[in-house]
Amino acid sequence: MDPEAQAREKIDAALVESGWTVQDYAAMNLSAANAIAVAEFPLARGHGDADYLLFIDGQAIGVLEAKKEGATLTGVEAQAEKYATGLPPALRVPVRPLPFNFLSNGRQTLFFNLLDPRPRSRRISLNDEVPHIHRPETLAAWLLARPLREWGSADHVAEPSALADAPATNRPSTLRARFQHLPPLVESGLRKA
């Protein structure tokens, strides 16, 4: 078996173990389950095919780029990002570009969240033998987060006036984005570190 097929077997198993239903594009049925990973999904002209396009409740939410086993994953983030932006216009999506991008070679997995203020890849594999993919419920919950400008002091984020520089979009906010807008620390009564 060639190295890419070996990697795909492990990736398929990791997807299933995490709660995804894996389907080939030719047999795609987005009503078959809540969370579906469609292999070899054709994208808009000039963007190629996504190795796996991830769907939750019939909406595309992410992409997984598969590489042959042993391939280095750093440096291929741009390819996954190209897929995340190359969606057919008629495709139902909660956010464009697709926010959740995975890169896997069957042994390790990198993840980056395009909702973050400064997205960067993070290794999420549990070890070098088993690739890890987020559970669909986790990604769905992240998509339900309120936009940053809707957070306020009751949520332990800066006063609404301090959120004036928050991105004026309806995109879900991330924990990292909210950290950047924490209220200033009141130092009275605190011991100097």
C-alpha atoms as a PDB file:
ATOM      1  CA  MET A   1       0.000   0.000   0.000  1.00  0.00           C
ATOM      2  CA  ASP A   2       1.403   3.422  -0.911  1.00  0.00           C
ATOM      3  CA  PRO A   3       2.203   5.941   1.878  1.00  0.00           C
ATOM      4  CA  GLU A   4      -0.717   8.262   1.027  1.00  0.00           C
ATOM      5  CA  ALA A   5      -3.227   5.381   1.155  1.00  0.00           C
ATOM      6  CA  GLN A   6      -1.769   4.318   4.528  1.00  0.00           C
ATOM      7  CA  ALA A   7      -2.170   7.865   5.826  1.00  0.00           C
ATOM      8  CA  ARG A   8      -5.764   8.032   4.512  1.00  0.00           C
ATOM      9  CA  GLU A   9      -6.654   4.807   6.357  1.00  0.00           C
ATOM     10  CA  LYS A  10      -5.397   6.285   9.632  1.00  0.00           C
ATOM     11  CA  ILE A  11      -7.092   9.633   8.974  1.00  0.00           C
ATOM     12  CA  ASP A  12     -10.396   7.907   8.144  1.00  0.00           C
ATOM     13  CA  ALA A  13     -10.142   5.937  11.400  1.00  0.00           C
ATOM     14  CA  ALA A  14      -9.345   9.108  13.389  1.00  0.00           C
ATOM     15  CA  LEU A  15     -12.323  10.910  11.840  1.00  0.00           C
ATOM     16  CA  VAL A  16     -14.676   8.035  12.673  1.00  0.00           C
ATOM     17  CA  GLU A  17     -13.277   7.727  16.202  1.00  0.00           C
ATOM     18  CA  SER A  18     -13.926  11.458  16.720  1.00  0.00           C
ATOM     19  CA  GLY A  19     -17.550  11.178  15.608  1.00  0.00           C
ATOM     20  CA  TRP A  20     -17.396  11.980  11.884  1.00  0.00           C
ATOM     21  CA  THR A  21     -19.027   9.896   9.151  1.00  0.00           C
ATOM     22  CA  VAL A  22     -16.630   9.530   6.211  1.00  0.00           C
ATOM     23  CA  GLN A  23     -18.099   9.541   2.712  1.00  0.00           C
ATOM     24  CA  ASP A  24     -16.729   9.717  -0.818  1.00  0.00           C
ATOM     25  CA  TYR A  25     -17.922  12.644  -2.900  1.00  0.00           C
ATOM     26  CA  ALA A  26     -19.533  10.297  -5.450  1.00  0.00           C
ATOM     27  CA  ALA A  27     -21.774   8.838  -2.704  1.00  0.00           C
ATOM     28  CA  MET A  28     -22.234  12.052  -0.703  1.00  0.00           C
ATOM     29  CA  ASN A  29     -25.403  12.285   1.387  1.00  0.00           C
ATOM     30  CA  LEU A  30     -25.270  15.222   3.791  1.00  0.00           C
ATOM     31  CA  SER A  31     -28.480  14.009   5.443  1.00  0.00           C
ATOM     32  CA  ALA A  32     -26.906  10.710   6.512  1.00  0.00           C
ATOM     33  CA  ALA A  33     -25.411  12.144   9.729  1.00  0.00           C
ATOM     34  CA  ASN A  34     -24.851  15.416  11.585  1.00  0.00           C
ATOM     35  CA  ALA A  35     -21.086  15.374  11.055  1.00  0.00           C
ATOM     36  CA  ILE A  36     -19.720  14.252   7.698  1.00  0.00           C
ATOM     37  CA  ALA A  37     -16.230  14.305   6.195  1.00  0.00           C
ATOM     38  CA  VAL A  38     -16.522  14.159   2.404  1.00  0.00           C
ATOM     39  CA  ALA A  39     -13.400  12.853   0.670  1.00  0.00           C
ATOM     40  CA  GLU A  40     -12.199  14.364  -2.624  1.00  0.00           C
ATOM     41  CA  PHE A  41     -14.687  17.247  -2.644  1.00  0.00           C
ATOM     42  CA  PRO A  42     -14.336  19.367  -5.829  1.00  0.00           C
ATOM     43  CA  LEU A  43     -13.896  23.059  -5.102  1.00  0.00           C
ATOM     44  CA  ALA A  44     -14.307  26.167  -7.242  1.00  0.00           C
ATOM     45  CA  ARG A  45     -12.323  26.335 -10.480  1.00  0.00           C
ATOM     46  CA  GLY A  46      -8.598  26.687  -9.820  1.00  0.00           C
ATOM     47  CA  HIS A  47      -8.778  25.410  -6.234  1.00  0.00           C
ATOM     48  CA  GLY A  48      -8.575  21.661  -6.853  1.00  0.00           C
ATOM     49  CA  ASP A  49     -10.214  19.040  -4.657  1.00  0.00           C
ATOM     50  CA  ALA A  50     -10.271  19.115  -0.867  1.00  0.00           C
ATOM     51  CA  ASP A  51      -8.973  15.841   0.545  1.00  0.00           C
ATOM     52  CA  TYR A  52     -11.795  16.067   3.117  1.00  0.00           C
ATOM     53  CA  LEU A  53     -14.425  18.776   3.411  1.00  0.00           C
ATOM     54  CA  LEU A  54     -16.016  18.748   6.872  1.00  0.00           C
ATOM     55  CA  PHE A  55     -19.759  19.337   7.243  1.00  0.00           C
ATOM     56  CA  ILE A  56     -21.897  19.834  10.343  1.00  0.00           C
ATOM     57  CA  ASP A  57     -25.659  19.815   9.849  1.00  0.00           C
ATOM     58  CA  GLY A  58     -25.236  20.203   6.091  1.00  0.00           C
ATOM     59  CA  GLN A  59     -22.924  23.237   6.313  1.00  0.00           C
ATOM     60  CA  ALA A  60     -19.247  23.175   5.366  1.00  0.00           C
ATOM     61  CA  ILE A  61     -17.152  24.211   8.375  1.00  0.00           C
ATOM     62  CA  GLY A  62     -13.624  23.025   7.660  1.00  0.00           C
ATOM     63  CA  VAL A  63     -11.131  21.208   5.526  1.00  0.00           C
ATOM     64  CA  LEU A  64      -8.611  18.456   6.204  1.00  0.00           C
ATOM     65  CA  GLU A  65      -5.586  18.246   3.943  1.00  0.00           C
ATOM     66  CA  ALA A  66      -4.055  14.751   3.901  1.00  0.00           C
ATOM     67  CA  LYS A  67      -0.394  14.165   3.161  1.00  0.00           C
ATOM     68  CA  LYS A  68       1.472  10.909   2.754  1.00  0.00           C
ATOM     69  CA  GLU A  69       2.689   9.255   5.906  1.00  0.00           C
ATOM     70  CA  GLY A  70       5.980  10.759   7.009  1.00  0.00           C
ATOM     71  CA  ALA A  71       5.491  14.009   5.068  1.00  0.00           C
ATOM     72  CA  THR A  72       6.344  17.230   6.869  1.00  0.00           C
ATOM     73  CA  LEU A  73       3.209  19.252   7.618  1.00  0.00           C
ATOM     74  CA  THR A  74       4.753  22.640   8.219  1.00  0.00           C
ATOM     75  CA  GLY A  75       4.701  24.790   5.139  1.00  0.00           C
ATOM     76  CA  VAL A  76       1.520  23.311   3.655  1.00  0.00           C
ATOM     77  CA  GLU A  77      -0.852  25.547   5.641  1.00  0.00           C
ATOM     78  CA  ALA A  78      -1.263  27.710   2.538  1.00  0.00           C
ATOM     79  CA  GLN A  79      -2.648  24.734   0.615  1.00  0.00           C
ATOM     80  CA  ALA A  80      -5.344  24.072   3.232  1.00  0.00           C
ATOM     81  CA  GLU A  81      -6.116  27.784   3.372  1.00  0.00           C
ATOM     82  CA  LYS A  82      -6.487  27.794  -0.445  1.00  0.00           C
ATOM     83  CA  TYR A  83      -9.079  25.046  -0.066  1.00  0.00           C
ATOM     84  CA  ALA A  84     -10.818  26.940   2.739  1.00  0.00           C
ATOM     85  CA  THR A  85     -11.261  29.952   0.452  1.00  0.00           C
ATOM     86  CA  GLY A  86     -12.083  28.030  -2.745  1.00  0.00           C
ATOM     87  CA  LEU A  87     -15.606  26.980  -1.911  1.00  0.00           C
ATOM     88  CA  PRO A  88     -18.273  26.802  -4.581  1.00  0.00           C
ATOM     89  CA  PRO A  89     -20.533  29.874  -4.101  1.00  0.00           C
ATOM     90  CA  ALA A  90     -23.696  27.785  -3.662  1.00  0.00           C
ATOM     91  CA  LEU A  91     -22.239  25.786  -0.758  1.00  0.00           C
ATOM     92  CA  ARG A  92     -23.898  26.457   2.623  1.00  0.00           C
ATOM     93  CA  VAL A  93     -21.365  27.747   5.147  1.00  0.00           C
ATOM     94  CA  PRO A  94     -21.688  29.568   8.487  1.00  0.00           C
ATOM     95  CA  VAL A  95     -18.477  31.576   7.877  1.00  0.00           C
ATOM     96  CA  ARG A  96     -16.268  32.269   4.855  1.00  0.00           C
ATOM     97  CA  PRO A  97     -13.468  31.331   4.568  1.00  0.00           C
ATOM     98  CA  LEU A  98     -13.940  28.016   6.316  1.00  0.00           C
ATOM     99  CA  PRO A  99     -12.630  28.521   9.832  1.00  0.00           C
ATOM    100  CA  PHE A 100     -11.297  25.088  10.772  1.00  0.00           C
ATOM    101  CA  ASN A 101      -8.284  23.691   8.917  1.00  0.00           C
ATOM    102  CA  PHE A 102      -6.503  20.437   9.624  1.00  0.00           C
ATOM    103  CA  LEU A 103      -3.327  18.986   8.106  1.00  0.00           C
ATOM    104  CA  SER A 104      -2.522  15.338   8.748  1.00  0.00           C
ATOM    105  CA  ASN A 105      -0.063  12.735   7.520  1.00  0.00           C
ATOM    106  CA  GLY A 106      -1.677   9.879   9.420  1.00  0.00           C
ATOM    107  CA  ARG A 107       0.796  10.158  12.288  1.00  0.00           C
ATOM    108  CA  GLN A 108       0.408  13.753  13.403  1.00  0.00           C
ATOM    109  CA  THR A 109      -2.132  16.490  12.866  1.00  0.00           C
ATOM    110  CA  LEU A 110      -1.844  20.260  12.795  1.00  0.00           C
ATOM    111  CA  PHE A 111      -4.880  22.486  13.325  1.00  0.00           C
ATOM    112  CA  PHE A 112      -5.438  26.152  12.715  1.00  0.00           C
ATOM    113  CA  ASN A 113      -8.514  28.214  13.395  1.00  0.00           C
ATOM    114  CA  LEU A 114      -9.045  31.084  10.962  1.00  0.00           C
ATOM    115  CA  LEU A 115     -11.371  32.737  13.498  1.00  0.00           C
ATOM    116  CA  ASP A 116      -8.343  33.531  15.683  1.00  0.00           C
ATOM    117  CA  PRO A 117      -6.940  37.066  15.401  1.00  0.00           C
ATOM    118  CA  ARG A 118      -3.557  35.683  14.300  1.00  0.00           C
ATOM    119  CA  PRO A 119      -4.158  32.121  13.103  1.00  0.00           C
ATOM    120  CA  ARG A 120      -1.246  29.743  13.397  1.00  0.00           C
ATOM    121  CA  SER A 121      -0.946  26.002  13.232  1.00  0.00           C
ATOM    122  CA  ARG A 122      -0.914  23.965  16.414  1.00  0.00           C
ATOM    123  CA  ARG A 123      -0.009  20.326  16.762  1.00  0.00           C
ATOM    124  CA  ILE A 124      -2.981  18.422  18.157  1.00  0.00           C
ATOM    125  CA  SER A 125      -1.917  14.791  17.762  1.00  0.00           C
ATOM    126  CA  LEU A 126      -2.011  12.819  20.965  1.00  0.00           C
ATOM    127  CA  ASN A 127       1.168  10.995  19.978  1.00  0.00           C
ATOM    128  CA  ASP A 128       3.079  10.205  16.797  1.00  0.00           C
ATOM    129  CA  GLU A 129       1.024   7.101  16.076  1.00  0.00           C
ATOM    130  CA  VAL A 130      -2.565   8.373  16.222  1.00  0.00           C
ATOM    131  CA  PRO A 131      -3.807  11.462  14.392  1.00  0.00           C
ATOM    132  CA  HIS A 132      -6.346  13.529  16.317  1.00  0.00           C
ATOM    133  CA  ILE A 133      -9.309  15.433  14.909  1.00  0.00           C
ATOM    134  CA  HIS A 134     -11.628  17.638  16.985  1.00  0.00           C
ATOM    135  CA  ARG A 135     -15.061  16.237  17.755  1.00  0.00           C
ATOM    136  CA  PRO A 136     -17.883  17.793  15.711  1.00  0.00           C
ATOM    137  CA  GLU A 137     -19.609  19.011  18.897  1.00  0.00           C
ATOM    138  CA  THR A 138     -16.517  21.026  19.817  1.00  0.00           C
ATOM    139  CA  LEU A 139     -16.338  22.757  16.438  1.00  0.00           C
ATOM    140  CA  ALA A 140     -20.107  23.370  16.451  1.00  0.00           C
ATOM    141  CA  ALA A 141     -19.841  25.011  19.885  1.00  0.00           C
ATOM    142  CA  TRP A 142     -17.019  27.263  18.681  1.00  0.00           C
ATOM    143  CA  LEU A 143     -19.217  28.368  15.771  1.00  0.00           C
ATOM    144  CA  LEU A 144     -21.939  29.399  18.257  1.00  0.00           C
ATOM    145  CA  ALA A 145     -19.669  31.801  20.168  1.00  0.00           C
ATOM    146  CA  ARG A 146     -20.942  35.358  20.163  1.00  0.00           C
ATOM    147  CA  PRO A 147     -19.103  37.878  17.983  1.00  0.00           C
ATOM    148  CA  LEU A 148     -16.484  39.841  19.896  1.00  0.00           C
ATOM    149  CA  ARG A 149     -18.402  43.125  19.770  1.00  0.00           C
ATOM    150  CA  GLU A 150     -21.298  41.486  21.671  1.00  0.00           C
ATOM    151  CA  TRP A 151     -19.150  40.700  24.712  1.00  0.00           C
ATOM    152  CA  GLY A 152     -19.126  43.174  27.576  1.00  0.00           C
ATOM    153  CA  SER A 153     -18.032  43.664  31.177  1.00  0.00           C
ATOM    154  CA  ALA A 154     -20.614  41.171  32.491  1.00  0.00           C
ATOM    155  CA  ASP A 155     -18.703  38.562  30.493  1.00  0.00           C
ATOM    156  CA  HIS A 156     -15.378  39.649  32.078  1.00  0.00           C
ATOM    157  CA  VAL A 157     -14.279  41.245  28.836  1.00  0.00           C
ATOM    158  CA  ALA A 158     -13.585  44.952  28.373  1.00  0.00           C
ATOM    159  CA  GLU A 159     -16.379  47.516  28.567  1.00  0.00           C
ATOM    160  CA  PRO A 160     -18.318  47.772  25.285  1.00  0.00           C
ATOM    161  CA  SER A 161     -16.594  51.098  24.516  1.00  0.00           C
ATOM    162  CA  ALA A 162     -13.228  49.326  24.740  1.00  0.00           C
ATOM    163  CA  LEU A 163     -14.462  46.851  22.140  1.00  0.00           C
ATOM    164  CA  ALA A 164     -14.802  49.625  19.565  1.00  0.00           C
ATOM    165  CA  ASP A 165     -11.706  48.293  17.803  1.00  0.00           C
ATOM    166  CA  ALA A 166     -13.137  44.764  17.730  1.00  0.00           C
ATOM    167  CA  PRO A 167     -13.706  43.413  14.237  1.00  0.00           C
ATOM    168  CA  ALA A 168     -17.102  44.597  13.002  1.00  0.00           C
ATOM    169  CA  THR A 169     -18.226  41.217  11.761  1.00  0.00           C
ATOM    170  CA  ASN A 170     -20.685  38.558  12.756  1.00  0.00           C
ATOM    171  CA  ARG A 171     -17.901  35.993  12.917  1.00  0.00           C
ATOM    172  CA  PRO A 172     -17.838  33.911  16.102  1.00  0.00           C
ATOM    173  CA  SER A 173     -15.225  35.080  18.564  1.00  0.00           C
ATOM    174  CA  THR A 174     -12.486  32.869  19.934  1.00  0.00           C
ATOM    175  CA  LEU A 175     -10.958  32.665  23.379  1.00  0.00           C
ATOM    176  CA  ARG A 176      -7.732  34.148  22.013  1.00  0.00           C
ATOM    177  CA  ALA A 177      -9.640  37.131  20.580  1.00  0.00           C
ATOM    178  CA  ARG A 178     -11.450  37.692  23.887  1.00  0.00           C
ATOM    179  CA  PHE A 179      -8.131  37.542  25.786  1.00  0.00           C
ATOM    180  CA  GLN A 180      -6.946  40.494  23.722  1.00  0.00           C
ATOM    181  CA  HIS A 181      -9.880  42.533  25.020  1.00  0.00           C
ATOM    182  CA  LEU A 182      -9.756  41.773  28.736  1.00  0.00           C
ATOM    183  CA  PRO A 183     -10.336  44.812  30.967  1.00  0.00           C
ATOM    184  CA  PRO A 184      -7.224  46.413  32.466  1.00  0.00           C
ATOM    185  CA  LEU A 185      -5.969  44.846  35.668  1.00  0.00           C
ATOM    186  CA  VAL A 186      -6.823  46.850  38.779  1.00  0.00           C
ATOM    187  CA  GLU A 187      -3.619  46.606  40.772  1.00  0.00           C
ATOM    188  CA  SER A 188      -4.756  48.295  44.022  1.00  0.00           C
ATOM    189  CA  GLY A 189      -4.529  45.858  46.898  1.00  0.00           C
ATOM    190  CA  LEU A 190      -2.322  43.467  44.934  1.00  0.00           C
ATOM    191  CA  ARG A 191       1.207  42.617  45.939  1.00  0.00           C
ATOM    192  CA  LYS A 192       3.886  43.471  43.348  1.00  0.00           C
ATOM    193  CA  ALA A 193       5.252  40.369  41.691  1.00  0.00           C
END
